Amino acid sequence: MFPVVGVMKTKTLKIDITSIELMGTDGWVLLNHASDNVISLITELTPTLTTHLLAKSK
């Protein structure tokens, strides 16, 4: 589990992530959501995030 901040457009199911953090050894670490590695991570997480948000909205 990790903090993710963003907006999901329910009509298109598009998620725009503005902030994502992971737990590091010294606490939460803010990731650079514009870096290639983090973009890849967000792409992989998008289906799971969409499913979670849709379930929470019901």
PDB file of N, CA and C in Angstrom:
ATOM      1  N   MET A   1       0.839  -1.176   0.000  1.00  0.00           N
ATOM      2  CA  MET A   1       0.000   0.000   0.000  1.00  0.00           C
ATOM      3  C   MET A   1       0.886   1.241   0.000  1.00  0.00           C
ATOM      4  N   PHE A   2       0.484   2.235  -0.770  1.00  0.00           N
ATOM      5  CA  PHE A   2       1.278   3.449  -0.855  1.00  0.00           C
ATOM      6  C   PHE A   2       0.390   4.612  -1.261  1.00  0.00           C
ATOM      7  N   PRO A   3       0.742   5.820  -0.851  1.00  0.00           N
ATOM      8  CA  PRO A   3      -0.063   6.989  -1.203  1.00  0.00           C
ATOM      9  C   PRO A   3       0.041   7.331  -2.687  1.00  0.00           C
ATOM     10  N   VAL A   4      -1.121   7.508  -3.309  1.00  0.00           N
ATOM     11  CA  VAL A   4      -1.215   7.947  -4.692  1.00  0.00           C
ATOM     12  C   VAL A   4      -2.228   9.081  -4.729  1.00  0.00           C
ATOM     13  N   VAL A   5      -1.875  10.178  -5.394  1.00  0.00           N
ATOM     14  CA  VAL A   5      -2.781  11.308  -5.540  1.00  0.00           C
ATOM     15  C   VAL A   5      -2.989  11.541  -7.027  1.00  0.00           C
ATOM     16  N   GLY A   6      -4.243  11.739  -7.396  1.00  0.00           N
ATOM     17  CA  GLY A   6      -4.546  11.992  -8.794  1.00  0.00           C
ATOM     18  C   GLY A   6      -6.033  12.134  -9.004  1.00  0.00           C
ATOM     19  N   VAL A   7      -6.427  12.132 -10.257  1.00  0.00           N
ATOM     20  CA  VAL A   7      -7.827  12.293 -10.635  1.00  0.00           C
ATOM     21  C   VAL A   7      -8.183  11.207 -11.649  1.00  0.00           C
ATOM     22  N   MET A   8      -9.364  10.593 -11.452  1.00  0.00           N
ATOM     23  CA  MET A   8      -9.850   9.636 -12.427  1.00  0.00           C
ATOM     24  C   MET A   8     -11.097  10.210 -13.090  1.00  0.00           C
ATOM     25  N   LYS A   9     -11.076  10.246 -14.406  1.00  0.00           N
ATOM     26  CA  LYS A   9     -12.247  10.680 -15.167  1.00  0.00           C
ATOM     27  C   LYS A   9     -13.122   9.452 -15.386  1.00  0.00           C
ATOM     28  N   THR A  10     -14.301   9.455 -14.769  1.00  0.00           N
ATOM     29  CA  THR A  10     -15.136   8.257 -14.774  1.00  0.00           C
ATOM     30  C   THR A  10     -15.674   7.901 -16.154  1.00  0.00           C
ATOM     31  N   LYS A  11     -15.866   8.866 -17.021  1.00  0.00           N
ATOM     32  CA  LYS A  11     -16.386   8.548 -18.361  1.00  0.00           C
ATOM     33  C   LYS A  11     -15.362   7.807 -19.209  1.00  0.00           C
ATOM     34  N   THR A  12     -14.089   8.206 -19.095  1.00  0.00           N
ATOM     35  CA  THR A  12     -13.044   7.589 -19.909  1.00  0.00           C
ATOM     36  C   THR A  12     -12.195   6.599 -19.115  1.00  0.00           C
ATOM     37  N   LEU A  13     -12.348   6.590 -17.789  1.00  0.00           N
ATOM     38  CA  LEU A  13     -11.549   5.770 -16.868  1.00  0.00           C
ATOM     39  C   LEU A  13     -10.064   6.107 -16.955  1.00  0.00           C
ATOM     40  N   LYS A  14      -9.753   7.326 -17.375  1.00  0.00           N
ATOM     41  CA  LYS A  14      -8.358   7.783 -17.440  1.00  0.00           C
ATOM     42  C   LYS A  14      -7.939   8.303 -16.070  1.00  0.00           C
ATOM     43  N   ILE A  15      -6.773   7.868 -15.630  1.00  0.00           N
ATOM     44  CA  ILE A  15      -6.236   8.297 -14.345  1.00  0.00           C
ATOM     45  C   ILE A  15      -5.031   9.194 -14.596  1.00  0.00           C
ATOM     46  N   ASP A  16      -5.052  10.377 -13.990  1.00  0.00           N
ATOM     47  CA  ASP A  16      -3.910  11.289 -14.047  1.00  0.00           C
ATOM     48  C   ASP A  16      -3.284  11.346 -12.661  1.00  0.00           C
ATOM     49  N   ILE A  17      -2.112  10.738 -12.511  1.00  0.00           N
ATOM     50  CA  ILE A  17      -1.404  10.695 -11.239  1.00  0.00           C
ATOM     51  C   ILE A  17      -0.590  11.975 -11.082  1.00  0.00           C
ATOM     52  N   THR A  18      -0.755  12.648  -9.945  1.00  0.00           N
ATOM     53  CA  THR A  18       0.027  13.858  -9.674  1.00  0.00           C
ATOM     54  C   THR A  18       1.090  13.631  -8.605  1.00  0.00           C
ATOM     55  N   SER A  19       0.945  12.554  -7.832  1.00  0.00           N
ATOM     56  CA  SER A  19       1.909  12.261  -6.777  1.00  0.00           C
ATOM     57  C   SER A  19       1.829  10.776  -6.437  1.00  0.00           C
ATOM     58  N   ILE A  20       2.986  10.163  -6.255  1.00  0.00           N
ATOM     59  CA  ILE A  20       3.043   8.755  -5.849  1.00  0.00           C
ATOM     60  C   ILE A  20       4.252   8.586  -4.928  1.00  0.00           C
ATOM     61  N   GLU A  21       4.036   7.853  -3.833  1.00  0.00           N
ATOM     62  CA  GLU A  21       5.091   7.654  -2.844  1.00  0.00           C
ATOM     63  C   GLU A  21       5.252   6.167  -2.538  1.00  0.00           C
ATOM     64  N   LEU A  22       6.447   5.786  -2.181  1.00  0.00           N
ATOM     65  CA  LEU A  22       6.748   4.428  -1.723  1.00  0.00           C
ATOM     66  C   LEU A  22       7.448   4.510  -0.379  1.00  0.00           C
ATOM     67  N   MET A  23       7.296   3.473   0.425  1.00  0.00           N
ATOM     68  CA  MET A  23       7.961   3.441   1.719  1.00  0.00           C
ATOM     69  C   MET A  23       9.437   3.115   1.523  1.00  0.00           C
ATOM     70  N   GLY A  24      10.276   4.031   1.968  1.00  0.00           N
ATOM     71  CA  GLY A  24      11.718   3.823   1.938  1.00  0.00           C
ATOM     72  C   GLY A  24      12.206   3.439   3.330  1.00  0.00           C
ATOM     73  N   THR A  25      13.489   3.329   3.505  1.00  0.00           N
ATOM     74  CA  THR A  25      14.032   2.953   4.812  1.00  0.00           C
ATOM     75  C   THR A  25      13.861   4.056   5.847  1.00  0.00           C
ATOM     76  N   ASP A  26      13.727   5.315   5.397  1.00  0.00           N
ATOM     77  CA  ASP A  26      13.568   6.441   6.314  1.00  0.00           C
ATOM     78  C   ASP A  26      12.170   7.053   6.265  1.00  0.00           C
ATOM     79  N   GLY A  27      11.213   6.326   5.708  1.00  0.00           N
ATOM     80  CA  GLY A  27       9.847   6.840   5.616  1.00  0.00           C
ATOM     81  C   GLY A  27       9.396   6.920   4.171  1.00  0.00           C
ATOM     82  N   TRP A  28       8.303   7.659   3.942  1.00  0.00           N
ATOM     83  CA  TRP A  28       7.744   7.778   2.602  1.00  0.00           C
ATOM     84  C   TRP A  28       8.652   8.586   1.699  1.00  0.00           C
ATOM     85  N   VAL A  29       8.839   8.099   0.471  1.00  0.00           N
ATOM     86  CA  VAL A  29       9.691   8.747  -0.525  1.00  0.00           C
ATOM     87  C   VAL A  29       8.812   9.152  -1.710  1.00  0.00           C
ATOM     88  N   LEU A  30       8.792  10.446  -2.021  1.00  0.00           N
ATOM     89  CA  LEU A  30       8.035  10.950  -3.159  1.00  0.00           C
ATOM     90  C   LEU A  30       8.780  10.588  -4.440  1.00  0.00           C
ATOM     91  N   LEU A  31       8.090   9.916  -5.352  1.00  0.00           N
ATOM     92  CA  LEU A  31       8.708   9.516  -6.616  1.00  0.00           C
ATOM     93  C   LEU A  31       8.494  10.597  -7.666  1.00  0.00           C
ATOM     94  N   ASN A  32       9.434  10.696  -8.572  1.00  0.00           N
ATOM     95  CA  ASN A  32       9.328  11.636  -9.689  1.00  0.00           C
ATOM     96  C   ASN A  32       8.408  11.012 -10.730  1.00  0.00           C
ATOM     97  N   HIS A  33       7.140  11.438 -10.744  1.00  0.00           N
ATOM     98  CA  HIS A  33       6.164  10.800 -11.621  1.00  0.00           C
ATOM     99  C   HIS A  33       6.387  11.104 -13.098  1.00  0.00           C
ATOM    100  N   ALA A  34       7.418  11.893 -13.412  1.00  0.00           N
ATOM    101  CA  ALA A  34       7.764  12.172 -14.811  1.00  0.00           C
ATOM    102  C   ALA A  34       8.919  11.299 -15.304  1.00  0.00           C
ATOM    103  N   SER A  35       9.544  10.526 -14.405  1.00  0.00           N
ATOM    104  CA  SER A  35      10.669   9.682 -14.829  1.00  0.00           C
ATOM    105  C   SER A  35      10.157   8.442 -15.558  1.00  0.00           C
ATOM    106  N   ASP A  36      10.972   7.912 -16.441  1.00  0.00           N
ATOM    107  CA  ASP A  36      10.581   6.747 -17.245  1.00  0.00           C
ATOM    108  C   ASP A  36      10.213   5.544 -16.375  1.00  0.00           C
ATOM    109  N   ASN A  37      10.994   5.295 -15.319  1.00  0.00           N
ATOM    110  CA  ASN A  37      10.729   4.140 -14.453  1.00  0.00           C
ATOM    111  C   ASN A  37       9.402   4.285 -13.723  1.00  0.00           C
ATOM    112  N   VAL A  38       9.110   5.487 -13.244  1.00  0.00           N
ATOM    113  CA  VAL A  38       7.860   5.710 -12.512  1.00  0.00           C
ATOM    114  C   VAL A  38       6.676   5.695 -13.474  1.00  0.00           C
ATOM    115  N   ILE A  39       6.852   6.227 -14.671  1.00  0.00           N
ATOM    116  CA  ILE A  39       5.797   6.153 -15.681  1.00  0.00           C
ATOM    117  C   ILE A  39       5.470   4.690 -15.979  1.00  0.00           C
ATOM    118  N   SER A  40       6.489   3.863 -16.084  1.00  0.00           N
ATOM    119  CA  SER A  40       6.291   2.427 -16.311  1.00  0.00           C
ATOM    120  C   SER A  40       5.536   1.792 -15.139  1.00  0.00           C
ATOM    121  N   LEU A  41       5.904   2.149 -13.919  1.00  0.00           N
ATOM    122  CA  LEU A  41       5.231   1.644 -12.727  1.00  0.00           C
ATOM    123  C   LEU A  41       3.755   2.058 -12.725  1.00  0.00           C
ATOM    124  N   ILE A  42       3.485   3.336 -13.013  1.00  0.00           N
ATOM    125  CA  ILE A  42       2.109   3.831 -13.047  1.00  0.00           C
ATOM    126  C   ILE A  42       1.307   3.098 -14.119  1.00  0.00           C
ATOM    127  N   THR A  43       1.916   2.862 -15.263  1.00  0.00           N
ATOM    128  CA  THR A  43       1.246   2.137 -16.343  1.00  0.00           C
ATOM    129  C   THR A  43       0.852   0.734 -15.879  1.00  0.00           C
ATOM    130  N   GLU A  44       1.750   0.074 -15.162  1.00  0.00           N
ATOM    131  CA  GLU A  44       1.460  -1.268 -14.646  1.00  0.00           C
ATOM    132  C   GLU A  44       0.374  -1.243 -13.574  1.00  0.00           C
ATOM    133  N   LEU A  45       0.344  -0.183 -12.774  1.00  0.00           N
ATOM    134  CA  LEU A  45      -0.614  -0.097 -11.674  1.00  0.00           C
ATOM    135  C   LEU A  45      -1.997   0.402 -12.100  1.00  0.00           C
ATOM    136  N   THR A  46      -2.092   1.035 -13.257  1.00  0.00           N
ATOM    137  CA  THR A  46      -3.343   1.669 -13.679  1.00  0.00           C
ATOM    138  C   THR A  46      -4.548   0.727 -13.656  1.00  0.00           C
ATOM    139  N   PRO A  47      -4.471  -0.494 -14.198  1.00  0.00           N
ATOM    140  CA  PRO A  47      -5.650  -1.371 -14.133  1.00  0.00           C
ATOM    141  C   PRO A  47      -6.089  -1.675 -12.689  1.00  0.00           C
ATOM    142  N   THR A  48      -5.144  -1.890 -11.802  1.00  0.00           N
ATOM    143  CA  THR A  48      -5.465  -2.165 -10.398  1.00  0.00           C
ATOM    144  C   THR A  48      -6.075  -0.936  -9.735  1.00  0.00           C
ATOM    145  N   LEU A  49      -5.499   0.232  -9.990  1.00  0.00           N
ATOM    146  CA  LEU A  49      -6.037   1.479  -9.422  1.00  0.00           C
ATOM    147  C   LEU A  49      -7.448   1.742  -9.934  1.00  0.00           C
ATOM    148  N   THR A  50      -7.680   1.526 -11.221  1.00  0.00           N
ATOM    149  CA  THR A  50      -9.001   1.737 -11.807  1.00  0.00           C
ATOM    150  C   THR A  50     -10.028   0.813 -11.158  1.00  0.00           C
ATOM    151  N   THR A  51      -9.700  -0.454 -11.031  1.00  0.00           N
ATOM    152  CA  THR A  51     -10.605  -1.420 -10.398  1.00  0.00           C
ATOM    153  C   THR A  51     -10.919  -1.013  -8.964  1.00  0.00           C
ATOM    154  N   HIS A  52      -9.910  -0.614  -8.225  1.00  0.00           N
ATOM    155  CA  HIS A  52     -10.075  -0.198  -6.834  1.00  0.00           C
ATOM    156  C   HIS A  52     -10.980   1.025  -6.731  1.00  0.00           C
ATOM    157  N   LEU A  53     -10.721   2.029  -7.565  1.00  0.00           N
ATOM    158  CA  LEU A  53     -11.501   3.267  -7.498  1.00  0.00           C
ATOM    159  C   LEU A  53     -12.957   3.047  -7.925  1.00  0.00           C
ATOM    160  N   LEU A  54     -13.158   2.220  -8.941  1.00  0.00           N
ATOM    161  CA  LEU A  54     -14.532   1.919  -9.359  1.00  0.00           C
ATOM    162  C   LEU A  54     -15.303   1.169  -8.262  1.00  0.00           C
ATOM    163  N   ALA A  55     -14.636   0.260  -7.585  1.00  0.00           N
ATOM    164  CA  ALA A  55     -15.290  -0.490  -6.489  1.00  0.00           C
ATOM    165  C   ALA A  55     -15.633   0.443  -5.331  1.00  0.00           C
ATOM    166  N   LYS A  56     -14.755   1.417  -5.055  1.00  0.00           N
ATOM    167  CA  LYS A  56     -14.987   2.361  -3.959  1.00  0.00           C
ATOM    168  C   LYS A  56     -16.097   3.339  -4.283  1.00  0.00           C
ATOM    169  N   SER A  57     -16.343   3.586  -5.570  1.00  0.00           N
ATOM    170  CA  SER A  57     -17.345   4.583  -5.955  1.00  0.00           C
ATOM    171  C   SER A  57     -18.773   4.045  -5.902  1.00  0.00           C
ATOM    172  N   LYS A  58     -18.916   2.742  -5.714  1.00  0.00           N
ATOM    173  CA  LYS A  58     -20.263   2.134  -5.675  1.00  0.00           C
ATOM    174  C   LYS A  58     -20.812   2.093  -4.275  1.00  0.00           C
TER     175      LYS A  58
END
